[in-house]
Amino acid sequence: MAVPKRRTGKTRKRKRRTHFKLKVEGLTTCSNCGTLIPSHTVCPECGFYKGEEVIVKNN
């Protein structure tokens, strides 16, 4: 059975764990209302996409 001869140091452990991270989606701001939305999607708040109203909101 494989048993480590020496204890793994903090620095070595943390260097190994630098790749265990979550990827952040590309968030952009809506050109109409300024809320953060994922790239290439219609804004759920105002219904605009690339400066054009795609979804008509009845408020």
C-alpha atoms as a PDB file:
ATOM      1  CA  MET A   1       0.000   0.000   0.000  1.00  0.00           C
ATOM      2  CA  ALA A   2       1.352   3.425  -0.942  1.00  0.00           C
ATOM      3  CA  VAL A   3       2.013   5.617   2.073  1.00  0.00           C
ATOM      4  CA  PRO A   4       3.638   9.054   1.756  1.00  0.00           C
ATOM      5  CA  LYS A   5       7.053   9.338   3.365  1.00  0.00           C
ATOM      6  CA  ARG A   6       6.653  13.013   4.204  1.00  0.00           C
ATOM      7  CA  ARG A   7       3.748  15.284   4.923  1.00  0.00           C
ATOM      8  CA  THR A   8       2.494  17.364   1.972  1.00  0.00           C
ATOM      9  CA  GLY A   9       3.288  21.017   2.660  1.00  0.00           C
ATOM     10  CA  LYS A  10       0.731  23.833   2.566  1.00  0.00           C
ATOM     11  CA  THR A  11       2.303  25.478  -0.468  1.00  0.00           C
ATOM     12  CA  ARG A  12       2.450  22.272  -2.511  1.00  0.00           C
ATOM     13  CA  LYS A  13      -1.151  21.439  -1.600  1.00  0.00           C
ATOM     14  CA  ARG A  14      -2.377  24.939  -2.503  1.00  0.00           C
ATOM     15  CA  LYS A  15      -0.474  24.944  -5.815  1.00  0.00           C
ATOM     16  CA  ARG A  16      -2.167  21.681  -6.740  1.00  0.00           C
ATOM     17  CA  ARG A  17      -5.589  23.055  -5.812  1.00  0.00           C
ATOM     18  CA  THR A  18      -5.307  26.233  -7.907  1.00  0.00           C
ATOM     19  CA  HIS A  19      -6.996  24.417 -10.791  1.00  0.00           C
ATOM     20  CA  PHE A  20     -10.008  23.329  -8.688  1.00  0.00           C
ATOM     21  CA  LYS A  21     -12.055  26.423  -9.355  1.00  0.00           C
ATOM     22  CA  LEU A  22     -15.434  27.320 -10.799  1.00  0.00           C
ATOM     23  CA  LYS A  23     -15.600  28.908 -14.217  1.00  0.00           C
ATOM     24  CA  VAL A  24     -17.339  32.257 -14.346  1.00  0.00           C
ATOM     25  CA  GLU A  25     -19.800  32.699 -17.178  1.00  0.00           C
ATOM     26  CA  GLY A  26     -19.267  35.646 -19.478  1.00  0.00           C
ATOM     27  CA  LEU A  27     -21.563  38.240 -17.976  1.00  0.00           C
ATOM     28  CA  THR A  28     -22.280  41.505 -19.764  1.00  0.00           C
ATOM     29  CA  THR A  29     -24.449  44.487 -18.964  1.00  0.00           C
ATOM     30  CA  CYS A  30     -27.709  45.071 -20.798  1.00  0.00           C
ATOM     31  CA  SER A  31     -27.420  48.056 -23.132  1.00  0.00           C
ATOM     32  CA  ASN A  32     -30.956  49.176 -22.261  1.00  0.00           C
ATOM     33  CA  CYS A  33     -31.380  48.723 -18.483  1.00  0.00           C
ATOM     34  CA  GLY A  34     -27.834  47.923 -17.278  1.00  0.00           C
ATOM     35  CA  THR A  35     -28.502  44.621 -15.467  1.00  0.00           C
ATOM     36  CA  LEU A  36     -25.948  41.805 -15.630  1.00  0.00           C
ATOM     37  CA  ILE A  37     -26.976  39.090 -18.103  1.00  0.00           C
ATOM     38  CA  PRO A  38     -25.171  36.137 -19.763  1.00  0.00           C
ATOM     39  CA  SER A  39     -23.681  36.952 -23.168  1.00  0.00           C
ATOM     40  CA  HIS A  40     -25.801  36.431 -26.305  1.00  0.00           C
ATOM     41  CA  THR A  41     -29.129  36.226 -24.430  1.00  0.00           C
ATOM     42  CA  VAL A  42     -32.244  38.343 -24.251  1.00  0.00           C
ATOM     43  CA  CYS A  43     -32.437  40.458 -21.090  1.00  0.00           C
ATOM     44  CA  PRO A  44     -35.093  38.947 -18.798  1.00  0.00           C
ATOM     45  CA  GLU A  45     -35.727  42.334 -17.145  1.00  0.00           C
ATOM     46  CA  CYS A  46     -36.532  44.514 -20.169  1.00  0.00           C
ATOM     47  CA  GLY A  47     -36.715  42.078 -23.120  1.00  0.00           C
ATOM     48  CA  PHE A  48     -34.042  43.803 -25.232  1.00  0.00           C
ATOM     49  CA  TYR A  49     -31.296  42.100 -27.276  1.00  0.00           C
ATOM     50  CA  LYS A  50     -28.610  44.118 -29.108  1.00  0.00           C
ATOM     51  CA  GLY A  51     -30.596  47.328 -28.694  1.00  0.00           C
ATOM     52  CA  GLU A  52     -33.828  45.942 -30.150  1.00  0.00           C
ATOM     53  CA  GLU A  53     -36.960  44.992 -28.210  1.00  0.00           C
ATOM     54  CA  VAL A  54     -37.491  41.268 -28.721  1.00  0.00           C
ATOM     55  CA  ILE A  55     -39.967  40.474 -25.939  1.00  0.00           C
ATOM     56  CA  VAL A  56     -42.750  43.007 -25.336  1.00  0.00           C
ATOM     57  CA  LYS A  57     -43.355  43.478 -21.599  1.00  0.00           C
ATOM     58  CA  ASN A  58     -46.824  44.644 -20.500  1.00  0.00           C
ATOM     59  CA  ASN A  59     -46.222  46.799 -17.407  1.00  0.00           C
END
